[in-house]
Amino acid sequence: MSLIWSLKKLIDPIRAREEETEYREHLVMPGQQESGDPISYRCKACGLIDERGDYCPDCLAHTMEPVK
């Protein structure tokens, strides 16, 4: 696939750039906000709500899941 993308960039760089931005927009997670609001995470084990990521500081495990 990368060979095709490279050829598209050589032949029509403007259209290739547009297709790349469309492709990247589709990679955004369905529940993710585009406004820049931080995503909250909740621990599956203890219920702690945090914005730092998938690692729970209380349980010391990777038990966090995104909250909608």
N, C-alpha and C. Protein backbone atom coordinates (compact mmCIF):
# COMPACT_ATOMS: atom_id res chain seq x y z
N MET A 1 0.82 -1.19 0.00
CA MET A 1 0.00 0.00 0.00
C MET A 1 0.86 1.26 0.00
N SER A 2 2.02 1.21 0.62
CA SER A 2 2.86 2.40 0.69
C SER A 2 3.41 2.78 -0.68
N LEU A 3 3.62 1.82 -1.55
CA LEU A 3 4.09 2.13 -2.90
C LEU A 3 3.02 2.92 -3.66
N ILE A 4 1.78 2.54 -3.50
CA ILE A 4 0.68 3.24 -4.16
C ILE A 4 0.57 4.67 -3.64
N TRP A 5 0.69 4.84 -2.30
CA TRP A 5 0.63 6.18 -1.71
C TRP A 5 1.78 7.04 -2.24
N SER A 6 2.95 6.44 -2.37
CA SER A 6 4.10 7.20 -2.88
C SER A 6 3.88 7.65 -4.31
N LEU A 7 3.33 6.78 -5.14
CA LEU A 7 3.06 7.15 -6.53
C LEU A 7 1.98 8.22 -6.63
N LYS A 8 0.97 8.13 -5.77
CA LYS A 8 -0.07 9.16 -5.77
C LYS A 8 0.51 10.51 -5.40
N LYS A 9 1.45 10.52 -4.44
CA LYS A 9 2.07 11.78 -4.04
C LYS A 9 2.88 12.39 -5.17
N LEU A 10 3.50 11.55 -5.98
CA LEU A 10 4.28 12.06 -7.11
C LEU A 10 3.39 12.58 -8.23
N ILE A 11 2.31 11.87 -8.51
CA ILE A 11 1.45 12.23 -9.64
C ILE A 11 0.55 13.41 -9.30
N ASP A 12 -0.14 13.33 -8.15
CA ASP A 12 -1.09 14.39 -7.77
C ASP A 12 -0.95 14.66 -6.28
N PRO A 13 -0.01 15.50 -5.88
CA PRO A 13 0.26 15.71 -4.46
C PRO A 13 -0.89 16.36 -3.70
N ILE A 14 -1.66 17.21 -4.36
CA ILE A 14 -2.77 17.87 -3.67
C ILE A 14 -3.85 16.87 -3.32
N ARG A 15 -4.23 16.05 -4.28
CA ARG A 15 -5.27 15.03 -4.02
C ARG A 15 -4.78 13.99 -3.01
N ALA A 16 -3.51 13.64 -3.07
CA ALA A 16 -2.95 12.67 -2.13
C ALA A 16 -3.01 13.22 -0.70
N ARG A 17 -2.73 14.51 -0.55
CA ARG A 17 -2.80 15.14 0.77
C ARG A 17 -4.25 15.15 1.28
N GLU A 18 -5.21 15.42 0.41
CA GLU A 18 -6.62 15.40 0.80
C GLU A 18 -7.05 14.00 1.23
N GLU A 19 -6.63 12.99 0.47
CA GLU A 19 -6.98 11.61 0.83
C GLU A 19 -6.36 11.20 2.16
N GLU A 20 -5.15 11.68 2.40
CA GLU A 20 -4.48 11.34 3.65
C GLU A 20 -5.20 11.97 4.84
N THR A 21 -5.66 13.21 4.70
CA THR A 21 -6.39 13.83 5.80
C THR A 21 -7.73 13.14 6.03
N GLU A 22 -8.41 12.72 4.96
CA GLU A 22 -9.66 11.97 5.11
C GLU A 22 -9.41 10.65 5.82
N TYR A 23 -8.32 9.99 5.45
CA TYR A 23 -7.97 8.72 6.08
C TYR A 23 -7.69 8.89 7.57
N ARG A 24 -6.97 9.94 7.92
CA ARG A 24 -6.65 10.18 9.33
C ARG A 24 -7.88 10.56 10.13
N GLU A 25 -8.84 11.25 9.51
CA GLU A 25 -10.08 11.60 10.20
C GLU A 25 -10.89 10.35 10.54
N HIS A 26 -10.82 9.33 9.69
CA HIS A 26 -11.55 8.10 9.95
C HIS A 26 -10.89 7.26 11.03
N LEU A 27 -9.62 7.54 11.33
CA LEU A 27 -8.92 6.80 12.37
C LEU A 27 -9.27 7.27 13.77
N VAL A 28 -9.94 8.41 13.88
CA VAL A 28 -10.32 8.93 15.19
C VAL A 28 -11.31 7.97 15.82
N MET A 29 -11.12 7.71 17.10
CA MET A 29 -12.01 6.79 17.80
C MET A 29 -13.43 7.36 17.82
N PRO A 30 -14.46 6.50 17.71
CA PRO A 30 -15.83 6.99 17.64
C PRO A 30 -16.26 7.80 18.86
N GLY A 31 -15.78 7.47 20.05
CA GLY A 31 -16.20 8.18 21.25
C GLY A 31 -15.33 9.37 21.59
N GLN A 32 -14.31 9.64 20.82
CA GLN A 32 -13.37 10.70 21.13
C GLN A 32 -13.93 12.05 20.72
N GLN A 33 -13.80 13.03 21.61
CA GLN A 33 -14.26 14.37 21.29
C GLN A 33 -13.18 15.09 20.51
N GLU A 34 -13.61 15.90 19.55
CA GLU A 34 -12.66 16.66 18.75
C GLU A 34 -12.43 18.04 19.33
N SER A 35 -13.18 18.42 20.36
CA SER A 35 -13.07 19.76 20.91
C SER A 35 -11.86 19.94 21.80
N GLY A 36 -11.14 18.87 22.08
CA GLY A 36 -9.97 18.96 22.92
C GLY A 36 -10.25 18.66 24.37
N ASP A 37 -11.48 18.30 24.71
CA ASP A 37 -11.80 17.94 26.08
C ASP A 37 -11.06 16.66 26.45
N PRO A 38 -10.47 16.60 27.64
CA PRO A 38 -9.76 15.39 28.03
C PRO A 38 -10.71 14.21 28.22
N ILE A 39 -10.23 13.05 27.88
CA ILE A 39 -11.03 11.84 28.04
C ILE A 39 -10.81 11.31 29.45
N SER A 40 -11.88 10.96 30.12
CA SER A 40 -11.78 10.40 31.47
C SER A 40 -11.70 8.89 31.38
N TYR A 41 -11.00 8.31 32.33
CA TYR A 41 -10.85 6.86 32.42
C TYR A 41 -11.34 6.40 33.79
N ARG A 42 -11.96 5.22 33.84
CA ARG A 42 -12.45 4.64 35.09
C ARG A 42 -11.83 3.28 35.27
N CYS A 43 -11.40 2.99 36.50
CA CYS A 43 -10.78 1.71 36.80
C CYS A 43 -11.86 0.63 36.88
N LYS A 44 -11.62 -0.50 36.26
CA LYS A 44 -12.57 -1.61 36.29
C LYS A 44 -12.63 -2.25 37.67
N ALA A 45 -11.54 -2.18 38.42
CA ALA A 45 -11.48 -2.86 39.72
C ALA A 45 -11.98 -1.98 40.87
N CYS A 46 -11.43 -0.76 41.01
CA CYS A 46 -11.77 0.07 42.17
C CYS A 46 -12.72 1.22 41.86
N GLY A 47 -12.94 1.56 40.59
CA GLY A 47 -13.87 2.61 40.22
C GLY A 47 -13.27 4.01 40.21
N LEU A 48 -11.97 4.16 40.36
CA LEU A 48 -11.31 5.46 40.34
C LEU A 48 -11.47 6.11 38.98
N ILE A 49 -11.80 7.40 38.96
CA ILE A 49 -11.93 8.15 37.71
C ILE A 49 -10.74 9.08 37.62
N ASP A 50 -10.04 9.03 36.47
CA ASP A 50 -8.81 9.79 36.28
C ASP A 50 -8.69 10.17 34.81
N GLU A 51 -7.86 11.14 34.51
CA GLU A 51 -7.67 11.58 33.12
C GLU A 51 -6.30 11.19 32.57
N ARG A 52 -5.50 10.44 33.31
CA ARG A 52 -4.13 10.19 32.92
C ARG A 52 -3.94 9.04 31.94
N GLY A 53 -4.77 8.06 31.93
CA GLY A 53 -4.56 6.98 30.97
C GLY A 53 -5.08 5.65 31.45
N ASP A 54 -4.47 4.57 30.95
CA ASP A 54 -4.99 3.24 31.21
C ASP A 54 -4.37 2.58 32.44
N TYR A 55 -3.51 3.29 33.18
CA TYR A 55 -2.84 2.70 34.34
C TYR A 55 -3.45 3.28 35.61
N CYS A 56 -4.00 2.44 36.47
CA CYS A 56 -4.62 2.87 37.72
C CYS A 56 -3.55 3.04 38.80
N PRO A 57 -3.41 4.25 39.38
CA PRO A 57 -2.40 4.45 40.41
C PRO A 57 -2.75 3.77 41.74
N ASP A 58 -4.03 3.52 42.00
CA ASP A 58 -4.42 2.86 43.25
C ASP A 58 -4.23 1.34 43.17
N CYS A 59 -4.65 0.74 42.06
CA CYS A 59 -4.56 -0.72 41.91
C CYS A 59 -3.19 -1.16 41.37
N LEU A 60 -2.45 -0.20 40.82
CA LEU A 60 -1.15 -0.49 40.20
C LEU A 60 -1.27 -1.54 39.10
N ALA A 61 -2.29 -1.34 38.24
CA ALA A 61 -2.55 -2.26 37.14
C ALA A 61 -3.12 -1.50 35.95
N HIS A 62 -3.10 -2.15 34.81
CA HIS A 62 -3.68 -1.57 33.58
C HIS A 62 -5.15 -1.97 33.51
N THR A 63 -5.96 -1.35 34.35
CA THR A 63 -7.38 -1.71 34.43
C THR A 63 -8.30 -0.55 34.08
N MET A 64 -7.75 0.54 33.56
CA MET A 64 -8.57 1.71 33.24
C MET A 64 -9.24 1.54 31.88
N GLU A 65 -10.48 2.05 31.78
CA GLU A 65 -11.21 2.02 30.52
C GLU A 65 -11.80 3.40 30.28
N PRO A 66 -11.93 3.83 29.01
CA PRO A 66 -12.48 5.17 28.73
C PRO A 66 -13.93 5.26 29.16
N VAL A 67 -14.29 6.41 29.70
CA VAL A 67 -15.66 6.69 30.12
C VAL A 67 -16.32 7.52 29.05
N LYS A 68 -17.54 7.18 28.66
CA LYS A 68 -18.28 7.93 27.63
C LYS A 68 -18.88 9.17 28.21
